[in-house]
Every structure is written in structure tokens, then in C-alpha cells.
């Protein structure tokens, strides 16, 4: 079994109501995010799980929906937690990428991340 991963970065803003209320989370604020998408399966006759060009195109379509957007306005996403971002990206790619196995979204500056995986 092989795995193939590709990442993309996006910048986005949102608000968030939390159990631990802080002024900064209720205000519009932004983050730099990294999304890593992993495919899993057996390579085809050419030795590839998926042509990286097709992988890049699929991820770019999702990145464009998130990058420099107000996440609260994206249908089906709010509240824009790391967990919901993983699920959102998964559902956007499901059916477009054969062997979709895992989506991880992280904020490298804070060391926070979440994973949605097919198990």
C-alpha cells in the first residue's frame, strides 16, 4: 500500500464563539493554514496513485474557495474550526480524488492541527 500527499497553504479570516470566551476569538481574525491531503492505494500501470498534475488541480479548486475569504460566509463550513475545515476539504475532494485517505489542517505558527481520516 502506498500513500501520496500534497499540501497547500491558505490565508483566511473568521470569528469563533468558544467555551473559553476571549475578545480576540469573537472579533474577526485571521490565520495562515496548511492543508495536507493524503491518498492511499496501489499505483497504476504507470507506477502512480494519481498524476500529480491532477492532484494539484483538485487541491487548487479547494484552495481558491478558502484562500483570502471570510470563512464564516462559506456555506456548510461555519464555525470554522480546524476539525470542520478538515471535513469541508474532505467533502470538497470526495469523488474527485480516488483513494482519498486523510486530510490534515494545521496552523504552523501555533502548532495546532486536526485530522480527518478514512479508517
C-alpha atoms as a PDB file:
ATOM      1  CA  UNK A   1       0.000   0.000   0.000  1.00  0.00           C
ATOM      2  CA  UNK A   2       1.332   3.432  -0.963  1.00  0.00           C
ATOM      3  CA  UNK A   3       0.435   6.898   0.234  1.00  0.00           C
ATOM      4  CA  UNK A   4       0.824  10.117  -1.719  1.00  0.00           C
ATOM      5  CA  UNK A   5       0.464  13.522  -0.041  1.00  0.00           C
ATOM      6  CA  UNK A   6       0.273  17.083  -1.256  1.00  0.00           C
ATOM      7  CA  UNK A   7      -0.126  20.312   0.721  1.00  0.00           C
ATOM      8  CA  UNK A   8      -1.461  23.769   0.069  1.00  0.00           C
ATOM      9  CA  UNK A   9      -1.463  26.956   2.111  1.00  0.00           C
ATOM     10  CA  UNK A  10      -4.312  29.403   2.523  1.00  0.00           C
ATOM     11  CA  UNK A  11      -4.902  32.589   4.482  1.00  0.00           C
ATOM     12  CA  UNK A  12      -8.365  33.209   5.832  1.00  0.00           C
ATOM     13  CA  UNK A  13     -10.337  35.082   8.485  1.00  0.00           C
ATOM     14  CA  UNK A  14     -13.177  34.018  10.753  1.00  0.00           C
ATOM     15  CA  UNK A  15     -14.855  34.568  14.098  1.00  0.00           C
ATOM     16  CA  UNK A  16     -15.423  31.936  16.735  1.00  0.00           C
ATOM     17  CA  UNK A  17     -17.552  31.616  19.842  1.00  0.00           C
ATOM     18  CA  UNK A  18     -15.914  29.340  22.389  1.00  0.00           C
ATOM     19  CA  UNK A  19     -16.487  27.950  25.865  1.00  0.00           C
ATOM     20  CA  UNK A  20     -13.477  29.998  26.919  1.00  0.00           C
ATOM     21  CA  UNK A  21     -14.620  33.382  25.703  1.00  0.00           C
ATOM     22  CA  UNK A  22     -11.872  35.702  24.652  1.00  0.00           C
ATOM     23  CA  UNK A  23     -12.266  39.041  22.973  1.00  0.00           C
ATOM     24  CA  UNK A  24      -9.814  38.032  20.246  1.00  0.00           C
ATOM     25  CA  UNK A  25     -11.808  34.967  19.139  1.00  0.00           C
ATOM     26  CA  UNK A  26     -15.114  36.866  18.864  1.00  0.00           C
ATOM     27  CA  UNK A  27     -13.525  39.551  16.697  1.00  0.00           C
ATOM     28  CA  UNK A  28     -12.721  38.891  13.071  1.00  0.00           C
ATOM     29  CA  UNK A  29      -9.215  37.478  12.996  1.00  0.00           C
ATOM     30  CA  UNK A  30      -7.119  35.506  10.543  1.00  0.00           C
ATOM     31  CA  UNK A  31      -4.757  32.593  10.343  1.00  0.00           C
ATOM     32  CA  UNK A  32      -2.270  31.025   7.983  1.00  0.00           C
ATOM     33  CA  UNK A  33      -3.374  27.449   7.386  1.00  0.00           C
ATOM     34  CA  UNK A  34      -1.687  24.435   5.811  1.00  0.00           C
ATOM     35  CA  UNK A  35      -3.841  21.628   4.432  1.00  0.00           C
ATOM     36  CA  UNK A  36      -2.239  18.281   3.688  1.00  0.00           C
ATOM     37  CA  UNK A  37      -4.230  15.766   1.655  1.00  0.00           C
ATOM     38  CA  UNK A  38      -3.171  12.113   1.527  1.00  0.00           C
ATOM     39  CA  UNK A  39      -4.229   9.448  -0.950  1.00  0.00           C
ATOM     40  CA  UNK A  40      -3.776   5.751  -0.321  1.00  0.00           C
ATOM     41  CA  UNK A  41      -3.773   2.799  -2.690  1.00  0.00           C
ATOM     42  CA  UNK A  42      -1.812   0.810  -5.214  1.00  0.00           C
ATOM     43  CA  UNK A  43      -0.023   2.501  -8.118  1.00  0.00           C
ATOM     44  CA  UNK A  44      -1.424   2.070 -11.621  1.00  0.00           C
ATOM     45  CA  UNK A  45       0.454   0.552 -14.572  1.00  0.00           C
ATOM     46  CA  UNK A  46       2.480   3.786 -14.864  1.00  0.00           C
ATOM     47  CA  UNK A  47       3.516   3.485 -11.217  1.00  0.00           C
ATOM     48  CA  UNK A  48       1.348   6.349  -9.910  1.00  0.00           C
ATOM     49  CA  UNK A  49      -1.532   6.571  -7.463  1.00  0.00           C
ATOM     50  CA  UNK A  50      -2.530   9.752  -9.257  1.00  0.00           C
ATOM     51  CA  UNK A  51      -0.797  12.066 -11.690  1.00  0.00           C
ATOM     52  CA  UNK A  52       0.491  14.986  -9.589  1.00  0.00           C
ATOM     53  CA  UNK A  53      -0.930  17.400 -12.158  1.00  0.00           C
ATOM     54  CA  UNK A  54      -4.455  16.154 -11.440  1.00  0.00           C
ATOM     55  CA  UNK A  55      -3.763  16.223  -7.699  1.00  0.00           C
ATOM     56  CA  UNK A  56      -2.601  19.843  -7.965  1.00  0.00           C
ATOM     57  CA  UNK A  57      -5.690  20.872  -9.962  1.00  0.00           C
ATOM     58  CA  UNK A  58      -8.103  19.330  -7.450  1.00  0.00           C
ATOM     59  CA  UNK A  59      -6.387  20.991  -4.489  1.00  0.00           C
ATOM     60  CA  UNK A  60      -6.246  24.345  -6.266  1.00  0.00           C
ATOM     61  CA  UNK A  61     -10.037  24.311  -6.716  1.00  0.00           C
ATOM     62  CA  UNK A  62     -10.491  23.896  -2.954  1.00  0.00           C
ATOM     63  CA  UNK A  63      -7.752  26.402  -2.093  1.00  0.00           C
ATOM     64  CA  UNK A  64      -9.480  29.068  -4.190  1.00  0.00           C
ATOM     65  CA  UNK A  65     -12.684  28.605  -2.156  1.00  0.00           C
ATOM     66  CA  UNK A  66     -10.801  29.217   1.111  1.00  0.00           C
ATOM     67  CA  UNK A  67      -7.833  31.490   0.421  1.00  0.00           C
ATOM     68  CA  UNK A  68      -8.385  35.136   1.410  1.00  0.00           C
ATOM     69  CA  UNK A  69     -12.035  34.506   2.248  1.00  0.00           C
ATOM     70  CA  UNK A  70     -14.116  35.123   5.340  1.00  0.00           C
ATOM     71  CA  UNK A  71     -14.741  31.529   6.444  1.00  0.00           C
ATOM     72  CA  UNK A  72     -17.961  32.429   8.272  1.00  0.00           C
ATOM     73  CA  UNK A  73     -19.543  33.119   4.845  1.00  0.00           C
ATOM     74  CA  UNK A  74     -18.722  29.739   3.265  1.00  0.00           C
ATOM     75  CA  UNK A  75     -21.879  27.583   3.154  1.00  0.00           C
ATOM     76  CA  UNK A  76     -21.568  24.393   5.173  1.00  0.00           C
ATOM     77  CA  UNK A  77     -18.406  25.414   6.999  1.00  0.00           C
ATOM     78  CA  UNK A  78     -19.067  27.694   9.988  1.00  0.00           C
ATOM     79  CA  UNK A  79     -17.955  27.649  12.651  1.00  0.00           C
ATOM     80  CA  UNK A  80     -14.528  27.359  11.023  1.00  0.00           C
ATOM     81  CA  UNK A  81     -12.746  25.130  13.500  1.00  0.00           C
ATOM     82  CA  UNK A  82      -9.757  23.059  12.426  1.00  0.00           C
ATOM     83  CA  UNK A  83     -11.961  19.965  12.580  1.00  0.00           C
ATOM     84  CA  UNK A  84     -14.639  21.487  10.354  1.00  0.00           C
ATOM     85  CA  UNK A  85     -12.018  22.683   7.876  1.00  0.00           C
ATOM     86  CA  UNK A  86     -10.763  19.087   7.583  1.00  0.00           C
ATOM     87  CA  UNK A  87     -14.286  17.812   6.963  1.00  0.00           C
ATOM     88  CA  UNK A  88     -15.041  20.607   4.496  1.00  0.00           C
ATOM     89  CA  UNK A  89     -11.917  19.901   2.428  1.00  0.00           C
ATOM     90  CA  UNK A  90     -12.643  16.151   2.549  1.00  0.00           C
ATOM     91  CA  UNK A  91     -16.173  16.640   1.224  1.00  0.00           C
ATOM     92  CA  UNK A  92     -14.977  19.008  -1.496  1.00  0.00           C
ATOM     93  CA  UNK A  93     -12.458  16.388  -2.711  1.00  0.00           C
ATOM     94  CA  UNK A  94     -14.524  13.249  -2.170  1.00  0.00           C
ATOM     95  CA  UNK A  95     -15.374  11.712  -5.531  1.00  0.00           C
ATOM     96  CA  UNK A  96     -12.716  13.815  -7.270  1.00  0.00           C
ATOM     97  CA  UNK A  97      -9.653  12.021  -5.891  1.00  0.00           C
ATOM     98  CA  UNK A  98      -9.530   8.233  -5.925  1.00  0.00           C
ATOM     99  CA  UNK A  99      -8.043   6.806  -2.756  1.00  0.00           C
ATOM    100  CA  UNK A 100      -8.698   9.864  -0.595  1.00  0.00           C
ATOM    101  CA  UNK A 101      -7.449   8.761   2.807  1.00  0.00           C
ATOM    102  CA  UNK A 102      -6.657  11.727   5.057  1.00  0.00           C
ATOM    103  CA  UNK A 103      -6.970  15.497   5.342  1.00  0.00           C
ATOM    104  CA  UNK A 104      -4.929  17.400   7.909  1.00  0.00           C
ATOM    105  CA  UNK A 105      -5.285  21.116   8.554  1.00  0.00           C
ATOM    106  CA  UNK A 106      -2.722  22.899  10.676  1.00  0.00           C
ATOM    107  CA  UNK A 107      -1.757  26.346  11.824  1.00  0.00           C
ATOM    108  CA  UNK A 108       2.017  26.072  11.822  1.00  0.00           C
ATOM    109  CA  UNK A 109       2.516  29.280  13.813  1.00  0.00           C
ATOM    110  CA  UNK A 110       0.622  27.907  16.811  1.00  0.00           C
ATOM    111  CA  UNK A 111       1.340  24.183  16.432  1.00  0.00           C
ATOM    112  CA  UNK A 112      -2.378  23.326  16.237  1.00  0.00           C
ATOM    113  CA  UNK A 113      -3.720  20.696  13.845  1.00  0.00           C
ATOM    114  CA  UNK A 114      -6.644  18.381  13.212  1.00  0.00           C
ATOM    115  CA  UNK A 115      -7.006  15.272  11.041  1.00  0.00           C
ATOM    116  CA  UNK A 116      -9.950  13.680   9.271  1.00  0.00           C
ATOM    117  CA  UNK A 117      -9.142  10.168   8.078  1.00  0.00           C
ATOM    118  CA  UNK A 118     -10.890   7.238   6.471  1.00  0.00           C
ATOM    119  CA  UNK A 119     -10.488   4.267   8.802  1.00  0.00           C
END
